All heavy atoms as atom14 arrays in JSON, in Angstrom:
{
  "sequence": "KRVAAVAVAVALAGAPGVAQAVTPAQAPAHHRIGEPASNTAGSVR",
  "atom14_mask": [
    [1, 1, 1, 1, 1, 1, 1, 1, 1, 0, 0, 0, 0, 0],
    [1, 1, 1, 1, 1, 1, 1, 1, 1, 1, 1, 0, 0, 0],
    [1, 1, 1, 1, 1, 1, 1, 0, 0, 0, 0, 0, 0, 0],
    [1, 1, 1, 1, 1, 0, 0, 0, 0, 0, 0, 0, 0, 0],
    [1, 1, 1, 1, 1, 0, 0, 0, 0, 0, 0, 0, 0, 0],
    [1, 1, 1, 1, 1, 1, 1, 0, 0, 0, 0, 0, 0, 0],
    [1, 1, 1, 1, 1, 0, 0, 0, 0, 0, 0, 0, 0, 0],
    [1, 1, 1, 1, 1, 1, 1, 0, 0, 0, 0, 0, 0, 0],
    [1, 1, 1, 1, 1, 0, 0, 0, 0, 0, 0, 0, 0, 0],
    [1, 1, 1, 1, 1, 1, 1, 0, 0, 0, 0, 0, 0, 0],
    [1, 1, 1, 1, 1, 0, 0, 0, 0, 0, 0, 0, 0, 0],
    [1, 1, 1, 1, 1, 1, 1, 1, 0, 0, 0, 0, 0, 0],
    [1, 1, 1, 1, 1, 0, 0, 0, 0, 0, 0, 0, 0, 0],
    [1, 1, 1, 1, 0, 0, 0, 0, 0, 0, 0, 0, 0, 0],
    [1, 1, 1, 1, 1, 0, 0, 0, 0, 0, 0, 0, 0, 0],
    [1, 1, 1, 1, 1, 1, 1, 0, 0, 0, 0, 0, 0, 0],
    [1, 1, 1, 1, 0, 0, 0, 0, 0, 0, 0, 0, 0, 0],
    [1, 1, 1, 1, 1, 1, 1, 0, 0, 0, 0, 0, 0, 0],
    [1, 1, 1, 1, 1, 0, 0, 0, 0, 0, 0, 0, 0, 0],
    [1, 1, 1, 1, 1, 1, 1, 1, 1, 0, 0, 0, 0, 0],
    [1, 1, 1, 1, 1, 0, 0, 0, 0, 0, 0, 0, 0, 0],
    [1, 1, 1, 1, 1, 1, 1, 0, 0, 0, 0, 0, 0, 0],
    [1, 1, 1, 1, 1, 1, 1, 0, 0, 0, 0, 0, 0, 0],
    [1, 1, 1, 1, 1, 1, 1, 0, 0, 0, 0, 0, 0, 0],
    [1, 1, 1, 1, 1, 0, 0, 0, 0, 0, 0, 0, 0, 0],
    [1, 1, 1, 1, 1, 1, 1, 1, 1, 0, 0, 0, 0, 0],
    [1, 1, 1, 1, 1, 0, 0, 0, 0, 0, 0, 0, 0, 0],
    [1, 1, 1, 1, 1, 1, 1, 0, 0, 0, 0, 0, 0, 0],
    [1, 1, 1, 1, 1, 0, 0, 0, 0, 0, 0, 0, 0, 0],
    [1, 1, 1, 1, 1, 1, 1, 1, 1, 1, 0, 0, 0, 0],
    [1, 1, 1, 1, 1, 1, 1, 1, 1, 1, 0, 0, 0, 0],
    [1, 1, 1, 1, 1, 1, 1, 1, 1, 1, 1, 0, 0, 0],
    [1, 1, 1, 1, 1, 1, 1, 1, 0, 0, 0, 0, 0, 0],
    [1, 1, 1, 1, 0, 0, 0, 0, 0, 0, 0, 0, 0, 0],
    [1, 1, 1, 1, 1, 1, 1, 1, 1, 0, 0, 0, 0, 0],
    [1, 1, 1, 1, 1, 1, 1, 0, 0, 0, 0, 0, 0, 0],
    [1, 1, 1, 1, 1, 0, 0, 0, 0, 0, 0, 0, 0, 0],
    [1, 1, 1, 1, 1, 1, 0, 0, 0, 0, 0, 0, 0, 0],
    [1, 1, 1, 1, 1, 1, 1, 1, 0, 0, 0, 0, 0, 0],
    [1, 1, 1, 1, 1, 1, 1, 0, 0, 0, 0, 0, 0, 0],
    [1, 1, 1, 1, 1, 0, 0, 0, 0, 0, 0, 0, 0, 0],
    [1, 1, 1, 1, 0, 0, 0, 0, 0, 0, 0, 0, 0, 0],
    [1, 1, 1, 1, 1, 1, 0, 0, 0, 0, 0, 0, 0, 0],
    [1, 1, 1, 1, 1, 1, 1, 0, 0, 0, 0, 0, 0, 0],
    [1, 1, 1, 1, 1, 1, 1, 1, 1, 1, 1, 0, 0, 0]
  ],
  "atom14_positions": [
    [[0.84, -1.14, -0.04], [-0.01, 0.01, 0.02], [0.8, 1.23, -0.02], [0.52, 2.21, -0.69], [-0.95, -0.08, 1.2], [-2.08, -0.93, 1.03], [-3.14, -0.84, 2.11], [-4.25, -1.84, 1.81], [-5.31, -1.76, 2.94], [0.0, 0.0, 0.0], [0.0, 0.0, 0.0], [0.0, 0.0, 0.0], [0.0, 0.0, 0.0], [0.0, 0.0, 0.0]],
    [[1.97, 1.3, 0.81], [2.9, 2.38, 0.74], [3.49, 2.66, -0.62], [3.56, 3.76, -1.13], [3.96, 2.27, 1.76], [3.48, 2.4, 3.14], [4.7, 2.32, 4.12], [4.14, 2.35, 5.49], [4.68, 1.76, 6.47], [5.8, 0.99, 6.37], [4.23, 1.82, 7.74], [0.0, 0.0, 0.0], [0.0, 0.0, 0.0], [0.0, 0.0, 0.0]],
    [[3.87, 1.52, -1.27], [4.47, 1.65, -2.61], [3.54, 2.21, -3.6], [3.72, 3.09, -4.37], [5.08, 0.34, -3.0], [5.48, 0.26, -4.59], [6.26, 0.05, -2.27], [0.0, 0.0, 0.0], [0.0, 0.0, 0.0], [0.0, 0.0, 0.0], [0.0, 0.0, 0.0], [0.0, 0.0, 0.0], [0.0, 0.0, 0.0], [0.0, 0.0, 0.0]],
    [[2.29, 1.73, -3.57], [1.18, 2.07, -4.4], [0.85, 3.58, -4.08], [0.71, 4.33, -5.04], [-0.09, 1.2, -4.18], [0.0, 0.0, 0.0], [0.0, 0.0, 0.0], [0.0, 0.0, 0.0], [0.0, 0.0, 0.0], [0.0, 0.0, 0.0], [0.0, 0.0, 0.0], [0.0, 0.0, 0.0], [0.0, 0.0, 0.0], [0.0, 0.0, 0.0]],
    [[0.9, 3.98, -2.86], [0.5, 5.36, -2.47], [1.59, 6.31, -3.07], [1.21, 7.3, -3.56], [0.43, 5.4, -0.97], [0.0, 0.0, 0.0], [0.0, 0.0, 0.0], [0.0, 0.0, 0.0], [0.0, 0.0, 0.0], [0.0, 0.0, 0.0], [0.0, 0.0, 0.0], [0.0, 0.0, 0.0], [0.0, 0.0, 0.0], [0.0, 0.0, 0.0]],
    [[2.8, 5.94, -2.93], [3.91, 6.74, -3.44], [3.85, 6.87, -5.02], [3.94, 7.92, -5.47], [5.3, 6.23, -2.98], [6.48, 6.85, -3.74], [5.55, 6.27, -1.48], [0.0, 0.0, 0.0], [0.0, 0.0, 0.0], [0.0, 0.0, 0.0], [0.0, 0.0, 0.0], [0.0, 0.0, 0.0], [0.0, 0.0, 0.0], [0.0, 0.0, 0.0]],
    [[3.55, 5.76, -5.64], [3.44, 5.75, -7.08], [2.31, 6.63, -7.57], [2.42, 7.42, -8.57], [3.27, 4.34, -7.62], [0.0, 0.0, 0.0], [0.0, 0.0, 0.0], [0.0, 0.0, 0.0], [0.0, 0.0, 0.0], [0.0, 0.0, 0.0], [0.0, 0.0, 0.0], [0.0, 0.0, 0.0], [0.0, 0.0, 0.0], [0.0, 0.0, 0.0]],
    [[1.15, 6.55, -6.94], [0.03, 7.35, -7.26], [0.27, 8.87, -6.92], [0.01, 9.82, -7.68], [-1.27, 6.83, -6.4], [-2.39, 7.92, -6.54], [-1.74, 5.49, -6.9], [0.0, 0.0, 0.0], [0.0, 0.0, 0.0], [0.0, 0.0, 0.0], [0.0, 0.0, 0.0], [0.0, 0.0, 0.0], [0.0, 0.0, 0.0], [0.0, 0.0, 0.0]],
    [[0.86, 9.15, -5.76], [1.24, 10.55, -5.42], [2.25, 11.14, -6.42], [2.06, 12.24, -6.81], [1.87, 10.58, -3.99], [0.0, 0.0, 0.0], [0.0, 0.0, 0.0], [0.0, 0.0, 0.0], [0.0, 0.0, 0.0], [0.0, 0.0, 0.0], [0.0, 0.0, 0.0], [0.0, 0.0, 0.0], [0.0, 0.0, 0.0], [0.0, 0.0, 0.0]],
    [[3.21, 10.36, -6.82], [4.11, 10.9, -7.88], [3.47, 11.03, -9.26], [3.62, 12.12, -9.8], [5.34, 9.93, -8.01], [6.18, 10.36, -9.14], [6.12, 9.94, -6.71], [0.0, 0.0, 0.0], [0.0, 0.0, 0.0], [0.0, 0.0, 0.0], [0.0, 0.0, 0.0], [0.0, 0.0, 0.0], [0.0, 0.0, 0.0], [0.0, 0.0, 0.0]],
    [[2.62, 10.12, -9.59], [1.85, 10.29, -10.82], [0.93, 11.46, -10.83], [0.78, 12.19, -11.78], [1.12, 9.02, -11.16], [0.0, 0.0, 0.0], [0.0, 0.0, 0.0], [0.0, 0.0, 0.0], [0.0, 0.0, 0.0], [0.0, 0.0, 0.0], [0.0, 0.0, 0.0], [0.0, 0.0, 0.0], [0.0, 0.0, 0.0], [0.0, 0.0, 0.0]],
    [[0.23, 11.66, -9.67], [-0.62, 12.85, -9.54], [0.05, 14.05, -9.54], [-0.36, 15.16, -10.04], [-1.49, 12.76, -8.27], [-2.55, 11.53, -8.31], [-3.12, 11.51, -6.97], [-3.58, 11.85, -9.39], [0.0, 0.0, 0.0], [0.0, 0.0, 0.0], [0.0, 0.0, 0.0], [0.0, 0.0, 0.0], [0.0, 0.0, 0.0], [0.0, 0.0, 0.0]],
    [[1.32, 14.11, -9.05], [2.19, 15.36, -9.08], [2.78, 15.68, -10.43], [3.36, 16.71, -10.7], [3.27, 15.26, -8.08], [0.0, 0.0, 0.0], [0.0, 0.0, 0.0], [0.0, 0.0, 0.0], [0.0, 0.0, 0.0], [0.0, 0.0, 0.0], [0.0, 0.0, 0.0], [0.0, 0.0, 0.0], [0.0, 0.0, 0.0], [0.0, 0.0, 0.0]],
    [[2.55, 14.75, -11.35], [3.02, 14.97, -12.75], [4.51, 14.75, -12.96], [5.08, 15.21, -13.89], [0.0, 0.0, 0.0], [0.0, 0.0, 0.0], [0.0, 0.0, 0.0], [0.0, 0.0, 0.0], [0.0, 0.0, 0.0], [0.0, 0.0, 0.0], [0.0, 0.0, 0.0], [0.0, 0.0, 0.0], [0.0, 0.0, 0.0], [0.0, 0.0, 0.0]],
    [[5.11, 13.88, -12.08], [6.37, 13.63, -12.24], [6.6, 12.65, -13.47], [5.96, 11.78, -13.59], [7.02, 12.89, -11.06], [0.0, 0.0, 0.0], [0.0, 0.0, 0.0], [0.0, 0.0, 0.0], [0.0, 0.0, 0.0], [0.0, 0.0, 0.0], [0.0, 0.0, 0.0], [0.0, 0.0, 0.0], [0.0, 0.0, 0.0], [0.0, 0.0, 0.0]],
    [[7.7, 13.13, -14.33], [7.82, 12.15, -15.5], [8.64, 10.88, -15.12], [9.36, 10.83, -14.19], [8.7, 13.08, -16.45], [9.44, 13.96, -15.44], [8.48, 14.16, -14.26], [0.0, 0.0, 0.0], [0.0, 0.0, 0.0], [0.0, 0.0, 0.0], [0.0, 0.0, 0.0], [0.0, 0.0, 0.0], [0.0, 0.0, 0.0], [0.0, 0.0, 0.0]],
    [[8.4, 9.86, -16.0], [9.24, 8.73, -16.01], [8.96, 7.76, -14.95], [9.75, 6.8, -14.69], [0.0, 0.0, 0.0], [0.0, 0.0, 0.0], [0.0, 0.0, 0.0], [0.0, 0.0, 0.0], [0.0, 0.0, 0.0], [0.0, 0.0, 0.0], [0.0, 0.0, 0.0], [0.0, 0.0, 0.0], [0.0, 0.0, 0.0], [0.0, 0.0, 0.0]],
    [[7.76, 7.82, -14.29], [7.47, 6.76, -13.25], [6.88, 5.58, -14.01], [5.78, 5.61, -14.43], [6.49, 7.27, -12.18], [6.09, 6.21, -11.22], [7.07, 8.5, -11.45], [0.0, 0.0, 0.0], [0.0, 0.0, 0.0], [0.0, 0.0, 0.0], [0.0, 0.0, 0.0], [0.0, 0.0, 0.0], [0.0, 0.0, 0.0], [0.0, 0.0, 0.0]],
    [[7.55, 4.52, -14.04], [7.15, 3.33, -14.83], [6.79, 2.24, -13.86], [5.91, 1.38, -14.14], [8.2, 2.92, -15.89], [0.0, 0.0, 0.0], [0.0, 0.0, 0.0], [0.0, 0.0, 0.0], [0.0, 0.0, 0.0], [0.0, 0.0, 0.0], [0.0, 0.0, 0.0], [0.0, 0.0, 0.0], [0.0, 0.0, 0.0], [0.0, 0.0, 0.0]],
    [[7.56, 2.11, -12.83], [7.4, 0.98, -11.85], [8.01, 1.4, -10.54], [8.99, 2.06, -10.58], [8.26, -0.24, -12.49], [8.41, -1.35, -11.72], [9.14, -2.43, -12.37], [9.59, -2.27, -13.52], [9.45, -3.47, -11.69], [0.0, 0.0, 0.0], [0.0, 0.0, 0.0], [0.0, 0.0, 0.0], [0.0, 0.0, 0.0], [0.0, 0.0, 0.0]],
    [[7.31, 0.95, -9.53], [7.79, 1.1, -8.15], [8.32, -0.23, -7.69], [7.55, -1.29, -7.88], [6.75, 1.71, -7.22], [0.0, 0.0, 0.0], [0.0, 0.0, 0.0], [0.0, 0.0, 0.0], [0.0, 0.0, 0.0], [0.0, 0.0, 0.0], [0.0, 0.0, 0.0], [0.0, 0.0, 0.0], [0.0, 0.0, 0.0], [0.0, 0.0, 0.0]],
    [[9.44, -0.33, -7.11], [10.06, -1.57, -6.79], [10.49, -1.45, -5.29], [11.28, -0.61, -4.91], [11.29, -1.99, -7.5], [11.9, -3.25, -7.12], [10.91, -2.03, -8.99], [0.0, 0.0, 0.0], [0.0, 0.0, 0.0], [0.0, 0.0, 0.0], [0.0, 0.0, 0.0], [0.0, 0.0, 0.0], [0.0, 0.0, 0.0], [0.0, 0.0, 0.0]],
    [[10.03, -2.31, -4.42], [10.5, -2.37, -3.08], [11.78, -3.09, -2.95], [12.08, -3.96, -3.82], [9.41, -3.09, -2.17], [9.39, -4.3, -2.48], [8.06, -2.32, -2.1], [0.0, 0.0, 0.0], [0.0, 0.0, 0.0], [0.0, 0.0, 0.0], [0.0, 0.0, 0.0], [0.0, 0.0, 0.0], [0.0, 0.0, 0.0], [0.0, 0.0, 0.0]],
    [[12.68, -2.89, -1.89], [13.9, -3.54, -1.91], [13.74, -5.06, -1.96], [14.54, -5.87, -2.57], [14.5, -3.12, -0.56], [13.94, -1.77, -0.39], [12.48, -1.85, -0.98], [0.0, 0.0, 0.0], [0.0, 0.0, 0.0], [0.0, 0.0, 0.0], [0.0, 0.0, 0.0], [0.0, 0.0, 0.0], [0.0, 0.0, 0.0], [0.0, 0.0, 0.0]],
    [[12.61, -5.68, -1.4], [12.48, -7.1, -1.42], [12.17, -7.53, -2.78], [12.29, -8.76, -3.09], [11.37, -7.48, -0.5], [0.0, 0.0, 0.0], [0.0, 0.0, 0.0], [0.0, 0.0, 0.0], [0.0, 0.0, 0.0], [0.0, 0.0, 0.0], [0.0, 0.0, 0.0], [0.0, 0.0, 0.0], [0.0, 0.0, 0.0], [0.0, 0.0, 0.0]],
    [[11.64, -6.69, -3.72], [11.27, -7.17, -5.02], [12.35, -6.83, -6.03], [12.27, -7.16, -7.2], [10.01, -6.39, -5.53], [8.84, -6.7, -4.75], [7.68, -5.6, -5.04], [7.86, -4.53, -5.21], [6.49, -6.18, -5.18], [0.0, 0.0, 0.0], [0.0, 0.0, 0.0], [0.0, 0.0, 0.0], [0.0, 0.0, 0.0], [0.0, 0.0, 0.0]],
    [[13.41, -6.13, -5.62], [14.44, -5.69, -6.49], [15.06, -6.89, -7.21], [15.43, -8.05, -6.47], [15.55, -4.94, -5.9], [0.0, 0.0, 0.0], [0.0, 0.0, 0.0], [0.0, 0.0, 0.0], [0.0, 0.0, 0.0], [0.0, 0.0, 0.0], [0.0, 0.0, 0.0], [0.0, 0.0, 0.0], [0.0, 0.0, 0.0], [0.0, 0.0, 0.0]],
    [[15.33, -6.93, -8.51], [15.79, -8.18, -9.17], [17.24, -8.48, -8.85], [18.01, -7.52, -8.7], [15.6, -7.78, -10.55], [15.66, -6.31, -10.69], [15.09, -5.86, -9.35], [0.0, 0.0, 0.0], [0.0, 0.0, 0.0], [0.0, 0.0, 0.0], [0.0, 0.0, 0.0], [0.0, 0.0, 0.0], [0.0, 0.0, 0.0], [0.0, 0.0, 0.0]],
    [[17.58, -9.62, -8.69], [19.07, -10.08, -8.68], [19.53, -10.05, -10.1], [18.74, -10.46, -10.97], [19.12, -11.49, -8.09], [0.0, 0.0, 0.0], [0.0, 0.0, 0.0], [0.0, 0.0, 0.0], [0.0, 0.0, 0.0], [0.0, 0.0, 0.0], [0.0, 0.0, 0.0], [0.0, 0.0, 0.0], [0.0, 0.0, 0.0], [0.0, 0.0, 0.0]],
    [[20.71, -9.6, -10.33], [21.27, -9.52, -11.61], [22.27, -10.49, -12.04], [23.41, -10.34, -11.87], [21.83, -8.05, -11.85], [20.82, -6.98, -11.57], [19.91, -6.67, -12.65], [20.49, -6.07, -10.62], [19.13, -5.73, -12.15], [19.46, -5.32, -10.93], [0.0, 0.0, 0.0], [0.0, 0.0, 0.0], [0.0, 0.0, 0.0], [0.0, 0.0, 0.0]],
    [[21.72, -11.7, -12.36], [22.6, -12.86, -12.71], [23.15, -12.59, -14.09], [22.53, -12.14, -14.98], [21.71, -14.13, -12.77], [22.44, -15.37, -13.15], [23.44, -15.91, -12.42], [22.51, -15.99, -14.37], [24.06, -16.9, -13.01], [23.51, -16.97, -14.23], [0.0, 0.0, 0.0], [0.0, 0.0, 0.0], [0.0, 0.0, 0.0], [0.0, 0.0, 0.0]],
    [[24.34, -12.8, -14.29], [25.19, -12.52, -15.45], [25.14, -13.79, -16.29], [25.59, -14.85, -15.95], [26.62, -12.19, -15.18], [26.78, -11.11, -14.1], [26.16, -9.77, -14.63], [26.35, -8.79, -13.55], [25.37, -8.38, -12.84], [24.11, -8.79, -12.91], [25.59, -7.53, -11.91], [0.0, 0.0, 0.0], [0.0, 0.0, 0.0], [0.0, 0.0, 0.0]],
    [[24.68, -13.69, -17.51], [24.71, -14.86, -18.51], [26.07, -15.2, -18.78], [26.97, -14.43, -18.89], [23.97, -14.34, -19.76], [22.53, -14.01, -19.5], [24.0, -15.41, -20.84], [21.71, -13.39, -20.65], [0.0, 0.0, 0.0], [0.0, 0.0, 0.0], [0.0, 0.0, 0.0], [0.0, 0.0, 0.0], [0.0, 0.0, 0.0], [0.0, 0.0, 0.0]],
    [[26.32, -16.49, -18.65], [27.54, -16.98, -19.0], [28.45, -17.29, -17.73], [29.37, -17.88, -17.82], [0.0, 0.0, 0.0], [0.0, 0.0, 0.0], [0.0, 0.0, 0.0], [0.0, 0.0, 0.0], [0.0, 0.0, 0.0], [0.0, 0.0, 0.0], [0.0, 0.0, 0.0], [0.0, 0.0, 0.0], [0.0, 0.0, 0.0], [0.0, 0.0, 0.0]],
    [[28.02, -16.72, -16.53], [28.72, -17.04, -15.35], [28.22, -18.38, -14.65], [27.01, -18.59, -14.69], [28.55, -15.78, -14.35], [29.32, -14.61, -14.71], [29.22, -13.57, -13.69], [28.42, -13.66, -12.8], [29.88, -12.64, -13.89], [0.0, 0.0, 0.0], [0.0, 0.0, 0.0], [0.0, 0.0, 0.0], [0.0, 0.0, 0.0], [0.0, 0.0, 0.0]],
    [[29.05, -18.95, -13.98], [28.5, -20.13, -13.23], [27.58, -19.73, -12.16], [27.58, -18.59, -11.62], [29.76, -20.74, -12.63], [30.83, -19.71, -12.73], [30.5, -18.75, -13.72], [0.0, 0.0, 0.0], [0.0, 0.0, 0.0], [0.0, 0.0, 0.0], [0.0, 0.0, 0.0], [0.0, 0.0, 0.0], [0.0, 0.0, 0.0], [0.0, 0.0, 0.0]],
    [[26.64, -20.63, -11.83], [25.56, -20.33, -10.78], [26.15, -19.94, -9.54], [25.61, -19.28, -8.74], [24.69, -21.58, -10.67], [0.0, 0.0, 0.0], [0.0, 0.0, 0.0], [0.0, 0.0, 0.0], [0.0, 0.0, 0.0], [0.0, 0.0, 0.0], [0.0, 0.0, 0.0], [0.0, 0.0, 0.0], [0.0, 0.0, 0.0], [0.0, 0.0, 0.0]],
    [[27.44, -20.32, -9.17], [28.01, -20.03, -7.96], [28.42, -18.59, -7.92], [28.93, -18.04, -6.88], [29.22, -20.92, -7.62], [30.23, -20.72, -8.65], [0.0, 0.0, 0.0], [0.0, 0.0, 0.0], [0.0, 0.0, 0.0], [0.0, 0.0, 0.0], [0.0, 0.0, 0.0], [0.0, 0.0, 0.0], [0.0, 0.0, 0.0], [0.0, 0.0, 0.0]],
    [[28.35, -17.86, -9.07], [28.73, -16.45, -9.08], [27.6, -15.57, -9.31], [27.71, -14.6, -10.13], [29.79, -16.22, -10.16], [30.58, -14.96, -9.91], [30.6, -14.4, -8.82], [31.07, -14.41, -11.04], [0.0, 0.0, 0.0], [0.0, 0.0, 0.0], [0.0, 0.0, 0.0], [0.0, 0.0, 0.0], [0.0, 0.0, 0.0], [0.0, 0.0, 0.0]],
    [[26.48, -15.87, -8.8], [25.28, -15.02, -8.94], [25.38, -13.78, -8.04], [26.28, -13.72, -7.18], [23.98, -15.73, -8.68], [24.13, -16.26, -7.34], [23.85, -16.94, -9.58], [0.0, 0.0, 0.0], [0.0, 0.0, 0.0], [0.0, 0.0, 0.0], [0.0, 0.0, 0.0], [0.0, 0.0, 0.0], [0.0, 0.0, 0.0], [0.0, 0.0, 0.0]],
    [[24.55, -12.78, -8.22], [24.59, -11.64, -7.5], [24.62, -11.87, -6.04], [23.84, -12.67, -5.49], [23.39, -10.7, -7.87], [0.0, 0.0, 0.0], [0.0, 0.0, 0.0], [0.0, 0.0, 0.0], [0.0, 0.0, 0.0], [0.0, 0.0, 0.0], [0.0, 0.0, 0.0], [0.0, 0.0, 0.0], [0.0, 0.0, 0.0], [0.0, 0.0, 0.0]],
    [[25.42, -11.22, -5.33], [25.49, -11.46, -3.9], [26.52, -12.4, -3.5], [26.76, -12.55, -2.34], [0.0, 0.0, 0.0], [0.0, 0.0, 0.0], [0.0, 0.0, 0.0], [0.0, 0.0, 0.0], [0.0, 0.0, 0.0], [0.0, 0.0, 0.0], [0.0, 0.0, 0.0], [0.0, 0.0, 0.0], [0.0, 0.0, 0.0], [0.0, 0.0, 0.0]],
    [[27.13, -13.0, -4.42], [28.16, -14.01, -4.09], [29.63, -13.35, -3.88], [29.8, -12.28, -4.29], [28.26, -15.08, -5.17], [28.8, -14.5, -6.37], [0.0, 0.0, 0.0], [0.0, 0.0, 0.0], [0.0, 0.0, 0.0], [0.0, 0.0, 0.0], [0.0, 0.0, 0.0], [0.0, 0.0, 0.0], [0.0, 0.0, 0.0], [0.0, 0.0, 0.0]],
    [[30.48, -14.08, -3.28], [31.9, -13.64, -3.27], [32.65, -14.7, -4.02], [32.58, -15.95, -3.66], [32.42, -13.51, -1.77], [33.87, -13.19, -1.78], [31.58, -12.51, -1.01], [0.0, 0.0, 0.0], [0.0, 0.0, 0.0], [0.0, 0.0, 0.0], [0.0, 0.0, 0.0], [0.0, 0.0, 0.0], [0.0, 0.0, 0.0], [0.0, 0.0, 0.0]],
    [[33.35, -14.3, -5.08], [34.12, -15.3, -5.91], [35.63, -14.86, -5.8], [35.96, -13.77, -5.88], [33.59, -15.14, -7.37], [34.28, -15.94, -8.28], [33.8, -15.81, -9.74], [34.6, -16.51, -10.73], [34.39, -16.33, -11.94], [33.31, -15.62, -12.41], [35.16, -16.95, -12.8], [0.0, 0.0, 0.0], [0.0, 0.0, 0.0], [0.0, 0.0, 0.0]]
  ]
}
């Protein structure tokens, strides 16, 4: 609800470029194509 409220408030304020609101828990991990699975985001190699 907070994320939705922020997105609506920003959209109503006319701020450009609001396409998606992402909470930290929803932020995507950025796995690199070609790297072994043991080297996914958050790993220490």
